[in-house]
Amino acid sequence: ENRQYLINRSSSFFKNLFTKYFIRLDSESYVYMLAENDIINIHLSRLGIAFKYSSQHNTITSREYSDMHVDDNQCFGTLTGLRSGLLLSPMAAIEHKNRHQLCRKLIVPYGEIRISKKPDRYHQTVTINRTSESKSPFLHKYFVFNLNDRLRILQPTDSPTGWLYLALLHAVTSHCLPDQYTGMTGMERSFELLNSAGSWSDQPFDPVCRQILLQIAIISPQVNYYPENNQSMEKIEWNPDYLPYSLQHFGYYLIAKKLLEASEEWNFMYSTSATPNNDELEQLFKSKKYNEKLLMKLYWDYRDSYNPLARLSPQMEAEIQRTSIASSYKPIWENSWGC
């Protein structure tokens, strides 16, 4: 009869494994380990996934992906600064077999994105807050992204939720320089995902998608006129403790709202329970925190400073040109006469 023994969380063995790998997925209270002979079964109870540590081979294999193990090197050249997520590599990679056919996987838990920036560091740090069950009842969810080494991109496995979440992660981990793995900035890859068909839906978004859209929308700075009934002064409230100002793209709010509107065009075909009303996302779009017409104007003013991949779709840009009544900024020398 094989007996299993619960490993003490205060032991050095538990703490070493947890702090090196599994803290990237969930809190310590949701991780437990059971010893059985020379095998350690590692369970993440809230996420519902498990791993197996072999002391003989010194490897941690996945229960859900039995042919994959936890990679010792958790750096993969993109999503820089993200402190959550566990990288899995195929077991065949250890023996260097069929390397051209291998596909690594990244497991990322769902939660509220937190961004911090220290003065002595060149890149922001991104963590996923998973402590508030009442605020987010979907903390049992996680996403799996495939690393396509031929295309040099991360690929979501479910649509549209995975596409939106990956776009959010790329947006908040972006930098002015391109990522080593993708060859593009996080902002470029984020808009590439948001503009692609995988992010759009012809049925109402579920609550998880709506929470992700909310986090995408608030990346844009809050803009309004001052005073509000006059257009003589533009007020932009950049978030100094968030992303660098150059990465707080004006288009995130606009495309998030457009995605929501497109998903609600066929609302009459679905039950009212499938279309949440007056949630945080709905309140944001109804509030006066963002002057949408001014946001369109500012997007157009800054448009040429964005790389072509980090722009709204041609259809959205054409719509902005039709609906925006405010005149865009023009340098003074364009109106001056030469001598």
C-alpha atoms as a PDB file:
ATOM      1  CA  GLU A   1       0.000   0.000   0.000  1.00  0.00           C
ATOM      2  CA  ASN A   2       1.412   3.344  -1.068  1.00  0.00           C
ATOM      3  CA  ARG A   3       1.040   6.083   1.486  1.00  0.00           C
ATOM      4  CA  GLN A   4       1.165   9.778   0.761  1.00  0.00           C
ATOM      5  CA  TYR A   5       2.534  12.293   3.227  1.00  0.00           C
ATOM      6  CA  LEU A   6       1.628  15.956   3.267  1.00  0.00           C
ATOM      7  CA  ILE A   7       4.721  18.151   3.054  1.00  0.00           C
ATOM      8  CA  ASN A   8       4.904  20.946   5.594  1.00  0.00           C
ATOM      9  CA  ARG A   9       4.569  24.378   3.991  1.00  0.00           C
ATOM     10  CA  SER A  10       7.237  25.732   6.317  1.00  0.00           C
ATOM     11  CA  SER A  11       9.805  23.163   5.136  1.00  0.00           C
ATOM     12  CA  SER A  12      12.693  24.328   2.981  1.00  0.00           C
ATOM     13  CA  PHE A  13      11.737  21.854   0.234  1.00  0.00           C
ATOM     14  CA  PHE A  14       8.228  23.292  -0.108  1.00  0.00           C
ATOM     15  CA  LYS A  15       9.427  26.879   0.033  1.00  0.00           C
ATOM     16  CA  ASN A  16      12.162  26.309  -2.548  1.00  0.00           C
ATOM     17  CA  LEU A  17       9.792  24.775  -5.101  1.00  0.00           C
ATOM     18  CA  PHE A  18       7.024  27.256  -4.386  1.00  0.00           C
ATOM     19  CA  THR A  19       9.117  30.429  -4.571  1.00  0.00           C
ATOM     20  CA  LYS A  20      10.945  29.269  -7.696  1.00  0.00           C
ATOM     21  CA  TYR A  21       7.963  28.085  -9.735  1.00  0.00           C
ATOM     22  CA  PHE A  22       4.482  27.883  -8.269  1.00  0.00           C
ATOM     23  CA  ILE A  23       4.287  31.368  -6.808  1.00  0.00           C
ATOM     24  CA  ARG A  24       3.970  32.317 -10.471  1.00  0.00           C
ATOM     25  CA  LEU A  25       0.574  30.602 -10.608  1.00  0.00           C
ATOM     26  CA  ASP A  26      -1.184  31.063  -7.266  1.00  0.00           C
ATOM     27  CA  SER A  27      -0.927  31.927  -3.581  1.00  0.00           C
ATOM     28  CA  GLU A  28       0.739  29.557  -1.121  1.00  0.00           C
ATOM     29  CA  SER A  29      -2.554  28.705   0.597  1.00  0.00           C
ATOM     30  CA  TYR A  30      -3.811  27.133  -2.646  1.00  0.00           C
ATOM     31  CA  VAL A  31      -0.753  24.920  -3.182  1.00  0.00           C
ATOM     32  CA  TYR A  32      -0.085  21.640  -1.395  1.00  0.00           C
ATOM     33  CA  MET A  33       2.407  18.824  -1.955  1.00  0.00           C
ATOM     34  CA  LEU A  34       2.107  15.106  -1.241  1.00  0.00           C
ATOM     35  CA  ALA A  35       5.130  12.796  -1.032  1.00  0.00           C
ATOM     36  CA  GLU A  36       4.815   9.246  -2.341  1.00  0.00           C
ATOM     37  CA  ASN A  37       8.099   7.291  -2.431  1.00  0.00           C
ATOM     38  CA  ASP A  38      10.441   9.382  -4.608  1.00  0.00           C
ATOM     39  CA  ILE A  39       7.572  11.266  -6.295  1.00  0.00           C
ATOM     40  CA  ILE A  40       6.137  14.567  -5.067  1.00  0.00           C
ATOM     41  CA  ASN A  41       2.617  15.346  -6.274  1.00  0.00           C
ATOM     42  CA  ILE A  42       2.039  19.099  -6.422  1.00  0.00           C
ATOM     43  CA  HIS A  43      -1.566  20.289  -6.501  1.00  0.00           C
ATOM     44  CA  LEU A  44      -2.873  23.786  -7.179  1.00  0.00           C
ATOM     45  CA  SER A  45      -6.357  23.403  -5.750  1.00  0.00           C
ATOM     46  CA  ARG A  46      -7.928  26.651  -6.945  1.00  0.00           C
ATOM     47  CA  LEU A  47      -6.722  26.320 -10.531  1.00  0.00           C
ATOM     48  CA  GLY A  48      -7.418  22.578 -10.599  1.00  0.00           C
ATOM     49  CA  ILE A  49      -4.055  21.637 -12.122  1.00  0.00           C
ATOM     50  CA  ALA A  50      -1.253  19.428 -10.822  1.00  0.00           C
ATOM     51  CA  PHE A  51       2.408  18.590 -11.345  1.00  0.00           C
ATOM     52  CA  LYS A  52       4.698  15.727 -10.426  1.00  0.00           C
ATOM     53  CA  TYR A  53       8.256  16.184  -9.179  1.00  0.00           C
ATOM     54  CA  SER A  54      10.682  13.304  -9.640  1.00  0.00           C
ATOM     55  CA  SER A  55      13.688  13.442  -7.344  1.00  0.00           C
ATOM     56  CA  GLN A  56      15.376  10.783  -9.470  1.00  0.00           C
ATOM     57  CA  HIS A  57      15.272  12.835 -12.678  1.00  0.00           C
ATOM     58  CA  ASN A  58      14.993  16.246 -10.999  1.00  0.00           C
ATOM     59  CA  THR A  59      12.121  17.256 -13.292  1.00  0.00           C
ATOM     60  CA  ILE A  60       8.622  18.605 -12.724  1.00  0.00           C
ATOM     61  CA  THR A  61       6.110  17.230 -15.224  1.00  0.00           C
ATOM     62  CA  SER A  62       2.586  18.456 -15.866  1.00  0.00           C
ATOM     63  CA  ARG A  63      -0.473  16.290 -15.225  1.00  0.00           C
ATOM     64  CA  GLU A  64      -2.539  18.098 -17.863  1.00  0.00           C
ATOM     65  CA  TYR A  65       0.296  17.961 -20.417  1.00  0.00           C
ATOM     66  CA  SER A  66       2.039  14.701 -19.597  1.00  0.00           C
ATOM     67  CA  ASP A  67       4.732  15.140 -22.249  1.00  0.00           C
ATOM     68  CA  MET A  68       5.818  18.518 -20.871  1.00  0.00           C
ATOM     69  CA  HIS A  69       7.920  19.643 -17.928  1.00  0.00           C
ATOM     70  CA  VAL A  70       8.463  22.924 -16.109  1.00  0.00           C
ATOM     71  CA  ASP A  71      11.332  24.746 -17.779  1.00  0.00           C
ATOM     72  CA  ASP A  72      14.228  25.750 -15.525  1.00  0.00           C
ATOM     73  CA  ASN A  73      14.593  28.945 -17.539  1.00  0.00           C
ATOM     74  CA  GLN A  74      11.357  30.926 -17.276  1.00  0.00           C
ATOM     75  CA  CYS A  75      12.558  33.703 -19.602  1.00  0.00           C
ATOM     76  CA  PHE A  76      11.314  33.462 -23.183  1.00  0.00           C
ATOM     77  CA  GLY A  77      11.935  36.870 -24.739  1.00  0.00           C
ATOM     78  CA  THR A  78       8.511  38.508 -24.509  1.00  0.00           C
ATOM     79  CA  LEU A  79       5.989  39.628 -21.863  1.00  0.00           C
ATOM     80  CA  THR A  80       9.024  41.132 -20.155  1.00  0.00           C
ATOM     81  CA  GLY A  81       8.439  42.086 -16.540  1.00  0.00           C
ATOM     82  CA  LEU A  82       5.536  39.663 -16.038  1.00  0.00           C
ATOM     83  CA  ARG A  83       6.009  37.906 -12.701  1.00  0.00           C
ATOM     84  CA  SER A  84       3.156  35.430 -13.213  1.00  0.00           C
ATOM     85  CA  GLY A  85       2.932  32.488 -15.577  1.00  0.00           C
ATOM     86  CA  LEU A  86       4.713  29.145 -15.806  1.00  0.00           C
ATOM     87  CA  LEU A  87       6.623  28.064 -18.909  1.00  0.00           C
ATOM     88  CA  LEU A  88       6.410  24.398 -19.943  1.00  0.00           C
ATOM     89  CA  SER A  89       8.739  22.721 -22.419  1.00  0.00           C
ATOM     90  CA  PRO A  90       8.346  19.337 -24.152  1.00  0.00           C
ATOM     91  CA  MET A  91      10.166  16.409 -22.554  1.00  0.00           C
ATOM     92  CA  ALA A  92      11.713  15.674 -25.956  1.00  0.00           C
ATOM     93  CA  ALA A  93      13.642  18.932 -25.667  1.00  0.00           C
ATOM     94  CA  ILE A  94      15.764  17.374 -22.933  1.00  0.00           C
ATOM     95  CA  GLU A  95      16.952  14.736 -25.403  1.00  0.00           C
ATOM     96  CA  HIS A  96      17.108  17.258 -28.284  1.00  0.00           C
ATOM     97  CA  LYS A  97      14.643  15.267 -30.390  1.00  0.00           C
ATOM     98  CA  ASN A  98      12.439  16.831 -33.076  1.00  0.00           C
ATOM     99  CA  ARG A  99      13.297  20.329 -31.929  1.00  0.00           C
ATOM    100  CA  HIS A 100      11.711  21.892 -35.019  1.00  0.00           C
ATOM    101  CA  GLN A 101       8.345  20.361 -34.086  1.00  0.00           C
ATOM    102  CA  LEU A 102       8.394  21.324 -30.416  1.00  0.00           C
ATOM    103  CA  CYS A 103       5.912  23.785 -28.987  1.00  0.00           C
ATOM    104  CA  ARG A 104       6.357  25.310 -25.556  1.00  0.00           C
ATOM    105  CA  LYS A 105       3.352  26.390 -23.508  1.00  0.00           C
ATOM    106  CA  LEU A 106       2.829  29.248 -21.101  1.00  0.00           C
ATOM    107  CA  ILE A 107       0.227  28.878 -18.328  1.00  0.00           C
ATOM    108  CA  VAL A 108      -0.973  32.251 -17.034  1.00  0.00           C
ATOM    109  CA  PRO A 109      -3.546  32.588 -14.232  1.00  0.00           C
ATOM    110  CA  TYR A 110      -6.409  35.031 -14.546  1.00  0.00           C
ATOM    111  CA  GLY A 111      -6.618  38.053 -12.265  1.00  0.00           C
ATOM    112  CA  GLU A 112      -6.393  41.809 -11.948  1.00  0.00           C
ATOM    113  CA  ILE A 113      -3.296  43.300 -13.541  1.00  0.00           C
ATOM    114  CA  ARG A 114      -1.047  45.354 -11.263  1.00  0.00           C
ATOM    115  CA  ILE A 115       1.804  47.469 -12.627  1.00  0.00           C
ATOM    116  CA  SER A 116       4.658  48.981 -10.642  1.00  0.00           C
ATOM    117  CA  LYS A 117       7.639  51.007 -11.782  1.00  0.00           C
ATOM    118  CA  LYS A 118      10.785  51.594  -9.778  1.00  0.00           C
ATOM    119  CA  PRO A 119      13.033  54.575 -10.570  1.00  0.00           C
ATOM    120  CA  ASP A 120      16.154  52.400 -10.716  1.00  0.00           C
ATOM    121  CA  ARG A 121      14.673  50.018 -13.300  1.00  0.00           C
ATOM    122  CA  TYR A 122      14.149  50.521 -17.016  1.00  0.00           C
ATOM    123  CA  HIS A 123      11.095  48.281 -17.275  1.00  0.00           C
ATOM    124  CA  GLN A 124       7.835  48.068 -15.376  1.00  0.00           C
ATOM    125  CA  THR A 125       6.976  45.022 -13.256  1.00  0.00           C
ATOM    126  CA  VAL A 126       3.624  43.344 -13.878  1.00  0.00           C
ATOM    127  CA  THR A 127       1.902  41.098 -11.357  1.00  0.00           C
ATOM    128  CA  ILE A 128      -1.513  39.432 -11.375  1.00  0.00           C
ATOM    129  CA  ASN A 129      -3.516  40.077  -8.229  1.00  0.00           C
ATOM    130  CA  ARG A 130      -5.431  36.959  -7.177  1.00  0.00           C
ATOM    131  CA  THR A 131      -6.308  37.811  -3.576  1.00  0.00           C
ATOM    132  CA  SER A 132      -9.849  39.199  -3.900  1.00  0.00           C
ATOM    133  CA  GLU A 133     -12.401  36.425  -4.471  1.00  0.00           C
ATOM    134  CA  SER A 134     -15.320  38.829  -3.997  1.00  0.00           C
ATOM    135  CA  LYS A 135     -14.076  41.265  -6.628  1.00  0.00           C
ATOM    136  CA  SER A 136     -13.193  38.576  -9.136  1.00  0.00           C
ATOM    137  CA  PRO A 137     -15.049  35.265  -8.783  1.00  0.00           C
ATOM    138  CA  PHE A 138     -13.153  33.799 -11.735  1.00  0.00           C
ATOM    139  CA  LEU A 139      -9.818  33.140 -10.046  1.00  0.00           C
ATOM    140  CA  HIS A 140     -10.080  29.444 -10.892  1.00  0.00           C
ATOM    141  CA  LYS A 141      -9.456  30.362 -14.536  1.00  0.00           C
ATOM    142  CA  TYR A 142      -6.137  30.191 -16.307  1.00  0.00           C
ATOM    143  CA  PHE A 143      -5.021  30.549 -19.908  1.00  0.00           C
ATOM    144  CA  VAL A 144      -2.628  28.472 -21.991  1.00  0.00           C
ATOM    145  CA  PHE A 145      -0.613  30.162 -24.734  1.00  0.00           C
ATOM    146  CA  ASN A 146       1.475  28.289 -27.287  1.00  0.00           C
ATOM    147  CA  LEU A 147       4.900  29.624 -28.218  1.00  0.00           C
ATOM    148  CA  ASN A 148       5.132  29.284 -31.985  1.00  0.00           C
ATOM    149  CA  ASP A 149       8.874  29.355 -32.652  1.00  0.00           C
ATOM    150  CA  ARG A 150       8.365  29.513 -36.423  1.00  0.00           C
ATOM    151  CA  LEU A 151       6.119  32.567 -36.387  1.00  0.00           C
ATOM    152  CA  ARG A 152       7.818  33.926 -33.244  1.00  0.00           C
ATOM    153  CA  ILE A 153       4.536  34.721 -31.506  1.00  0.00           C
ATOM    154  CA  LEU A 154       2.455  33.583 -28.559  1.00  0.00           C
ATOM    155  CA  GLN A 155      -0.806  32.057 -29.743  1.00  0.00           C
ATOM    156  CA  PRO A 156      -3.980  31.910 -27.620  1.00  0.00           C
ATOM    157  CA  THR A 157      -5.867  28.631 -27.442  1.00  0.00           C
ATOM    158  CA  ASP A 158      -9.374  30.004 -26.862  1.00  0.00           C
ATOM    159  CA  SER A 159     -11.300  32.824 -28.499  1.00  0.00           C
ATOM    160  CA  PRO A 160     -12.151  35.537 -27.714  1.00  0.00           C
ATOM    161  CA  THR A 161     -11.181  35.375 -24.018  1.00  0.00           C
ATOM    162  CA  GLY A 162      -7.627  34.163 -24.566  1.00  0.00           C
ATOM    163  CA  TRP A 163      -7.030  36.669 -27.360  1.00  0.00           C
ATOM    164  CA  LEU A 164      -8.185  39.580 -25.209  1.00  0.00           C
ATOM    165  CA  TYR A 165      -6.158  38.462 -22.189  1.00  0.00           C
ATOM    166  CA  LEU A 166      -2.994  38.018 -24.240  1.00  0.00           C
ATOM    167  CA  ALA A 167      -3.538  41.456 -25.800  1.00  0.00           C
ATOM    168  CA  LEU A 168      -3.817  42.906 -22.287  1.00  0.00           C
ATOM    169  CA  LEU A 169      -0.611  41.171 -21.161  1.00  0.00           C
ATOM    170  CA  HIS A 170       1.314  42.414 -24.195  1.00  0.00           C
ATOM    171  CA  ALA A 171      -0.009  45.939 -23.649  1.00  0.00           C
ATOM    172  CA  VAL A 172       1.054  46.189 -20.007  1.00  0.00           C
ATOM    173  CA  THR A 173       4.485  44.583 -20.562  1.00  0.00           C
ATOM    174  CA  SER A 174       5.321  46.721 -23.576  1.00  0.00           C
ATOM    175  CA  HIS A 175       8.475  48.771 -24.013  1.00  0.00           C
ATOM    176  CA  CYS A 176       9.704  51.269 -26.570  1.00  0.00           C
ATOM    177  CA  LEU A 177      12.090  48.594 -27.892  1.00  0.00           C
ATOM    178  CA  PRO A 178      10.822  45.428 -29.617  1.00  0.00           C
ATOM    179  CA  ASP A 179      10.674  42.151 -27.718  1.00  0.00           C
ATOM    180  CA  GLN A 180      13.469  39.711 -28.452  1.00  0.00           C
ATOM    181  CA  TYR A 181      11.114  36.827 -29.229  1.00  0.00           C
ATOM    182  CA  THR A 182       8.426  38.524 -31.329  1.00  0.00           C
ATOM    183  CA  GLY A 183      10.506  41.236 -32.972  1.00  0.00           C
ATOM    184  CA  MET A 184       7.748  43.765 -32.244  1.00  0.00           C
ATOM    185  CA  THR A 185       6.798  45.869 -29.256  1.00  0.00           C
ATOM    186  CA  GLY A 186       4.136  44.677 -26.857  1.00  0.00           C
ATOM    187  CA  MET A 187       1.872  47.527 -27.967  1.00  0.00           C
ATOM    188  CA  GLU A 188       2.188  46.454 -31.607  1.00  0.00           C
ATOM    189  CA  ARG A 189       1.377  42.835 -30.796  1.00  0.00           C
ATOM    190  CA  SER A 190      -1.506  43.937 -28.577  1.00  0.00           C
ATOM    191  CA  PHE A 191      -3.175  45.911 -31.373  1.00  0.00           C
ATOM    192  CA  GLU A 192      -2.460  43.107 -33.828  1.00  0.00           C
ATOM    193  CA  LEU A 193      -4.447  40.786 -31.546  1.00  0.00           C
ATOM    194  CA  LEU A 194      -7.230  43.296 -30.867  1.00  0.00           C
ATOM    195  CA  ASN A 195      -7.679  44.026 -34.572  1.00  0.00           C
ATOM    196  CA  SER A 196      -7.745  40.336 -35.504  1.00  0.00           C
ATOM    197  CA  ALA A 197     -10.908  38.276 -35.858  1.00  0.00           C
ATOM    198  CA  GLY A 198     -10.115  36.196 -32.762  1.00  0.00           C
ATOM    199  CA  SER A 199     -10.897  39.135 -30.459  1.00  0.00           C
ATOM    200  CA  TRP A 200     -14.277  39.960 -32.001  1.00  0.00           C
ATOM    201  CA  SER A 201     -17.540  38.226 -31.236  1.00  0.00           C
ATOM    202  CA  ASP A 202     -21.075  38.290 -32.625  1.00  0.00           C
ATOM    203  CA  GLN A 203     -22.545  37.284 -29.268  1.00  0.00           C
ATOM    204  CA  PRO A 204     -22.412  39.061 -25.894  1.00  0.00           C
ATOM    205  CA  PHE A 205     -19.106  38.853 -24.064  1.00  0.00           C
ATOM    206  CA  ASP A 206     -19.116  36.827 -20.862  1.00  0.00           C
ATOM    207  CA  PRO A 207     -18.166  38.495 -17.529  1.00  0.00           C
ATOM    208  CA  VAL A 208     -14.514  37.431 -17.851  1.00  0.00           C
ATOM    209  CA  CYS A 209     -14.183  39.086 -21.272  1.00  0.00           C
ATOM    210  CA  ARG A 210     -15.862  42.216 -19.934  1.00  0.00           C
ATOM    211  CA  GLN A 211     -13.411  42.445 -17.041  1.00  0.00           C
ATOM    212  CA  ILE A 212     -10.502  42.052 -19.450  1.00  0.00           C
ATOM    213  CA  LEU A 213     -11.943  44.750 -21.729  1.00  0.00           C
ATOM    214  CA  LEU A 214     -12.246  47.041 -18.708  1.00  0.00           C
ATOM    215  CA  GLN A 215      -8.551  46.591 -17.926  1.00  0.00           C
ATOM    216  CA  ILE A 216      -7.666  47.258 -21.567  1.00  0.00           C
ATOM    217  CA  ALA A 217      -9.811  50.403 -21.765  1.00  0.00           C
ATOM    218  CA  ILE A 218      -8.303  52.092 -18.701  1.00  0.00           C
ATOM    219  CA  ILE A 219      -4.784  51.862 -20.145  1.00  0.00           C
ATOM    220  CA  SER A 220      -5.717  54.973 -22.133  1.00  0.00           C
ATOM    221  CA  PRO A 221      -5.323  58.194 -20.125  1.00  0.00           C
ATOM    222  CA  GLN A 222      -8.452  60.020 -18.999  1.00  0.00           C
ATOM    223  CA  VAL A 223      -9.097  63.003 -21.255  1.00  0.00           C
ATOM    224  CA  ASN A 224     -11.579  65.852 -21.110  1.00  0.00           C
ATOM    225  CA  TYR A 225     -11.956  69.527 -21.848  1.00  0.00           C
ATOM    226  CA  TYR A 226     -11.413  72.102 -19.131  1.00  0.00           C
ATOM    227  CA  PRO A 227     -13.882  73.463 -18.401  1.00  0.00           C
ATOM    228  CA  GLU A 228     -16.039  70.621 -19.711  1.00  0.00           C
ATOM    229  CA  ASN A 229     -18.469  72.905 -21.548  1.00  0.00           C
ATOM    230  CA  ASN A 230     -15.659  74.664 -23.379  1.00  0.00           C
ATOM    231  CA  GLN A 231     -13.134  73.354 -25.893  1.00  0.00           C
ATOM    232  CA  SER A 232     -10.419  75.894 -25.232  1.00  0.00           C
ATOM    233  CA  MET A 233      -8.238  73.606 -23.094  1.00  0.00           C
ATOM    234  CA  GLU A 234      -7.531  69.875 -23.258  1.00  0.00           C
ATOM    235  CA  LYS A 235      -6.855  67.993 -20.026  1.00  0.00           C
ATOM    236  CA  ILE A 236      -4.991  64.668 -20.168  1.00  0.00           C
ATOM    237  CA  GLU A 237      -4.589  62.724 -16.934  1.00  0.00           C
ATOM    238  CA  TRP A 238      -1.643  60.405 -17.451  1.00  0.00           C
ATOM    239  CA  ASN A 239      -1.100  57.781 -14.789  1.00  0.00           C
ATOM    240  CA  PRO A 240       2.427  58.360 -13.424  1.00  0.00           C
ATOM    241  CA  ASP A 241       2.514  55.032 -11.527  1.00  0.00           C
ATOM    242  CA  TYR A 242       1.363  53.013 -14.511  1.00  0.00           C
ATOM    243  CA  LEU A 243       2.961  52.511 -17.902  1.00  0.00           C
ATOM    244  CA  PRO A 244       5.326  55.048 -19.465  1.00  0.00           C
ATOM    245  CA  TYR A 245       3.301  57.839 -21.057  1.00  0.00           C
ATOM    246  CA  SER A 246       4.261  56.765 -24.582  1.00  0.00           C
ATOM    247  CA  LEU A 247       2.599  53.374 -23.980  1.00  0.00           C
ATOM    248  CA  GLN A 248      -0.696  54.764 -22.649  1.00  0.00           C
ATOM    249  CA  HIS A 249      -2.204  54.588 -26.119  1.00  0.00           C
ATOM    250  CA  PHE A 250      -5.364  56.624 -26.800  1.00  0.00           C
ATOM    251  CA  GLY A 251      -6.734  53.785 -28.915  1.00  0.00           C
ATOM    252  CA  TYR A 252      -7.154  51.187 -26.158  1.00  0.00           C
ATOM    253  CA  TYR A 253     -10.349  52.785 -24.845  1.00  0.00           C
ATOM    254  CA  LEU A 254     -11.728  53.250 -28.356  1.00  0.00           C
ATOM    255  CA  ILE A 255     -11.155  49.679 -29.514  1.00  0.00           C
ATOM    256  CA  ALA A 256     -12.413  48.205 -26.226  1.00  0.00           C
ATOM    257  CA  LYS A 257     -15.675  50.104 -26.628  1.00  0.00           C
ATOM    258  CA  LYS A 258     -15.932  49.096 -30.282  1.00  0.00           C
ATOM    259  CA  LEU A 259     -15.410  45.432 -29.383  1.00  0.00           C
ATOM    260  CA  LEU A 260     -18.189  45.660 -26.805  1.00  0.00           C
ATOM    261  CA  GLU A 261     -20.585  47.395 -29.199  1.00  0.00           C
ATOM    262  CA  ALA A 262     -19.944  44.793 -31.908  1.00  0.00           C
ATOM    263  CA  SER A 263     -20.672  41.969 -29.469  1.00  0.00           C
ATOM    264  CA  GLU A 264     -24.015  43.526 -28.515  1.00  0.00           C
ATOM    265  CA  GLU A 265     -25.397  44.093 -32.005  1.00  0.00           C
ATOM    266  CA  TRP A 266     -27.296  40.787 -31.845  1.00  0.00           C
ATOM    267  CA  ASN A 267     -28.389  41.048 -28.215  1.00  0.00           C
ATOM    268  CA  PHE A 268     -32.019  40.405 -29.108  1.00  0.00           C
ATOM    269  CA  MET A 269     -31.109  36.819 -30.007  1.00  0.00           C
ATOM    270  CA  TYR A 270     -29.833  36.033 -26.502  1.00  0.00           C
ATOM    271  CA  SER A 271     -31.415  35.936 -23.072  1.00  0.00           C
ATOM    272  CA  THR A 272     -31.027  38.971 -20.838  1.00  0.00           C
ATOM    273  CA  SER A 273     -28.950  36.911 -18.394  1.00  0.00           C
ATOM    274  CA  ALA A 274     -26.283  36.563 -21.096  1.00  0.00           C
ATOM    275  CA  THR A 275     -25.862  40.332 -21.340  1.00  0.00           C
ATOM    276  CA  PRO A 276     -24.700  41.837 -18.011  1.00  0.00           C
ATOM    277  CA  ASN A 277     -25.996  45.341 -17.399  1.00  0.00           C
ATOM    278  CA  ASN A 278     -24.489  48.185 -15.408  1.00  0.00           C
ATOM    279  CA  ASP A 279     -21.249  46.392 -14.559  1.00  0.00           C
ATOM    280  CA  GLU A 280     -17.938  48.265 -14.214  1.00  0.00           C
ATOM    281  CA  LEU A 281     -17.342  48.250 -17.962  1.00  0.00           C
ATOM    282  CA  GLU A 282     -20.785  49.666 -18.699  1.00  0.00           C
ATOM    283  CA  GLN A 283     -20.345  52.314 -16.015  1.00  0.00           C
ATOM    284  CA  LEU A 284     -16.978  53.333 -17.444  1.00  0.00           C
ATOM    285  CA  PHE A 285     -18.376  53.902 -20.928  1.00  0.00           C
ATOM    286  CA  LYS A 286     -21.363  55.820 -19.524  1.00  0.00           C
ATOM    287  CA  SER A 287     -19.258  58.003 -17.233  1.00  0.00           C
ATOM    288  CA  LYS A 288     -17.688  61.348 -18.105  1.00  0.00           C
ATOM    289  CA  LYS A 289     -14.150  60.253 -17.256  1.00  0.00           C
ATOM    290  CA  TYR A 290     -13.362  59.961 -20.959  1.00  0.00           C
ATOM    291  CA  ASN A 291     -14.512  62.467 -23.539  1.00  0.00           C
ATOM    292  CA  GLU A 292     -14.754  60.116 -26.491  1.00  0.00           C
ATOM    293  CA  LYS A 293     -14.659  62.773 -29.207  1.00  0.00           C
ATOM    294  CA  LEU A 294     -11.588  64.346 -27.640  1.00  0.00           C
ATOM    295  CA  LEU A 295     -10.021  60.897 -27.360  1.00  0.00           C
ATOM    296  CA  MET A 296     -10.587  60.402 -31.103  1.00  0.00           C
ATOM    297  CA  LYS A 297      -9.017  63.777 -31.827  1.00  0.00           C
ATOM    298  CA  LEU A 298      -5.987  63.020 -29.665  1.00  0.00           C
ATOM    299  CA  TYR A 299      -5.595  59.606 -31.280  1.00  0.00           C
ATOM    300  CA  TRP A 300      -5.476  61.297 -34.660  1.00  0.00           C
ATOM    301  CA  ASP A 301      -3.027  63.929 -33.410  1.00  0.00           C
ATOM    302  CA  TYR A 302      -0.676  61.220 -32.115  1.00  0.00           C
ATOM    303  CA  ARG A 303      -1.370  58.734 -34.895  1.00  0.00           C
ATOM    304  CA  ASP A 304       1.858  59.331 -36.807  1.00  0.00           C
ATOM    305  CA  SER A 305       3.900  58.710 -33.656  1.00  0.00           C
ATOM    306  CA  TYR A 306       2.496  55.165 -33.430  1.00  0.00           C
ATOM    307  CA  ASN A 307       4.073  52.396 -35.466  1.00  0.00           C
ATOM    308  CA  PRO A 308       1.736  51.167 -38.241  1.00  0.00           C
ATOM    309  CA  LEU A 309       1.016  47.925 -36.366  1.00  0.00           C
ATOM    310  CA  ALA A 310       0.007  49.880 -33.249  1.00  0.00           C
ATOM    311  CA  ARG A 311      -2.909  51.669 -34.870  1.00  0.00           C
ATOM    312  CA  LEU A 312      -6.626  51.112 -35.055  1.00  0.00           C
ATOM    313  CA  SER A 313      -8.055  49.296 -38.058  1.00  0.00           C
ATOM    314  CA  PRO A 314      -8.642  51.298 -41.269  1.00  0.00           C
ATOM    315  CA  GLN A 315     -12.400  50.923 -40.708  1.00  0.00           C
ATOM    316  CA  MET A 316     -12.186  52.463 -37.235  1.00  0.00           C
ATOM    317  CA  GLU A 317      -9.909  55.233 -38.466  1.00  0.00           C
ATOM    318  CA  ALA A 318     -12.358  56.057 -41.263  1.00  0.00           C
ATOM    319  CA  GLU A 319     -15.144  56.195 -38.688  1.00  0.00           C
ATOM    320  CA  ILE A 320     -13.088  58.531 -36.509  1.00  0.00           C
ATOM    321  CA  GLN A 321     -12.552  60.856 -39.454  1.00  0.00           C
ATOM    322  CA  ARG A 322     -16.291  60.914 -40.137  1.00  0.00           C
ATOM    323  CA  THR A 323     -17.448  61.444 -36.554  1.00  0.00           C
ATOM    324  CA  SER A 324     -14.726  63.630 -35.060  1.00  0.00           C
ATOM    325  CA  ILE A 325     -15.839  67.242 -35.275  1.00  0.00           C
ATOM    326  CA  ALA A 326     -12.874  68.745 -33.451  1.00  0.00           C
ATOM    327  CA  SER A 327     -10.070  69.970 -35.658  1.00  0.00           C
ATOM    328  CA  SER A 328      -6.789  68.147 -35.238  1.00  0.00           C
ATOM    329  CA  TYR A 329      -3.604  69.824 -34.136  1.00  0.00           C
ATOM    330  CA  LYS A 330      -1.562  71.479 -36.866  1.00  0.00           C
ATOM    331  CA  PRO A 331       1.968  72.818 -36.335  1.00  0.00           C
ATOM    332  CA  ILE A 332       2.134  76.580 -36.518  1.00  0.00           C
ATOM    333  CA  TRP A 333       4.616  76.495 -39.385  1.00  0.00           C
ATOM    334  CA  GLU A 334       2.018  74.878 -41.642  1.00  0.00           C
ATOM    335  CA  ASN A 335       0.004  78.096 -41.486  1.00  0.00           C
ATOM    336  CA  SER A 336       2.946  80.483 -41.759  1.00  0.00           C
ATOM    337  CA  TRP A 337       4.194  82.067 -44.963  1.00  0.00           C
ATOM    338  CA  GLY A 338       7.793  81.881 -45.996  1.00  0.00           C
ATOM    339  CA  CYS A 339       9.727  85.068 -46.660  1.00  0.00           C
END
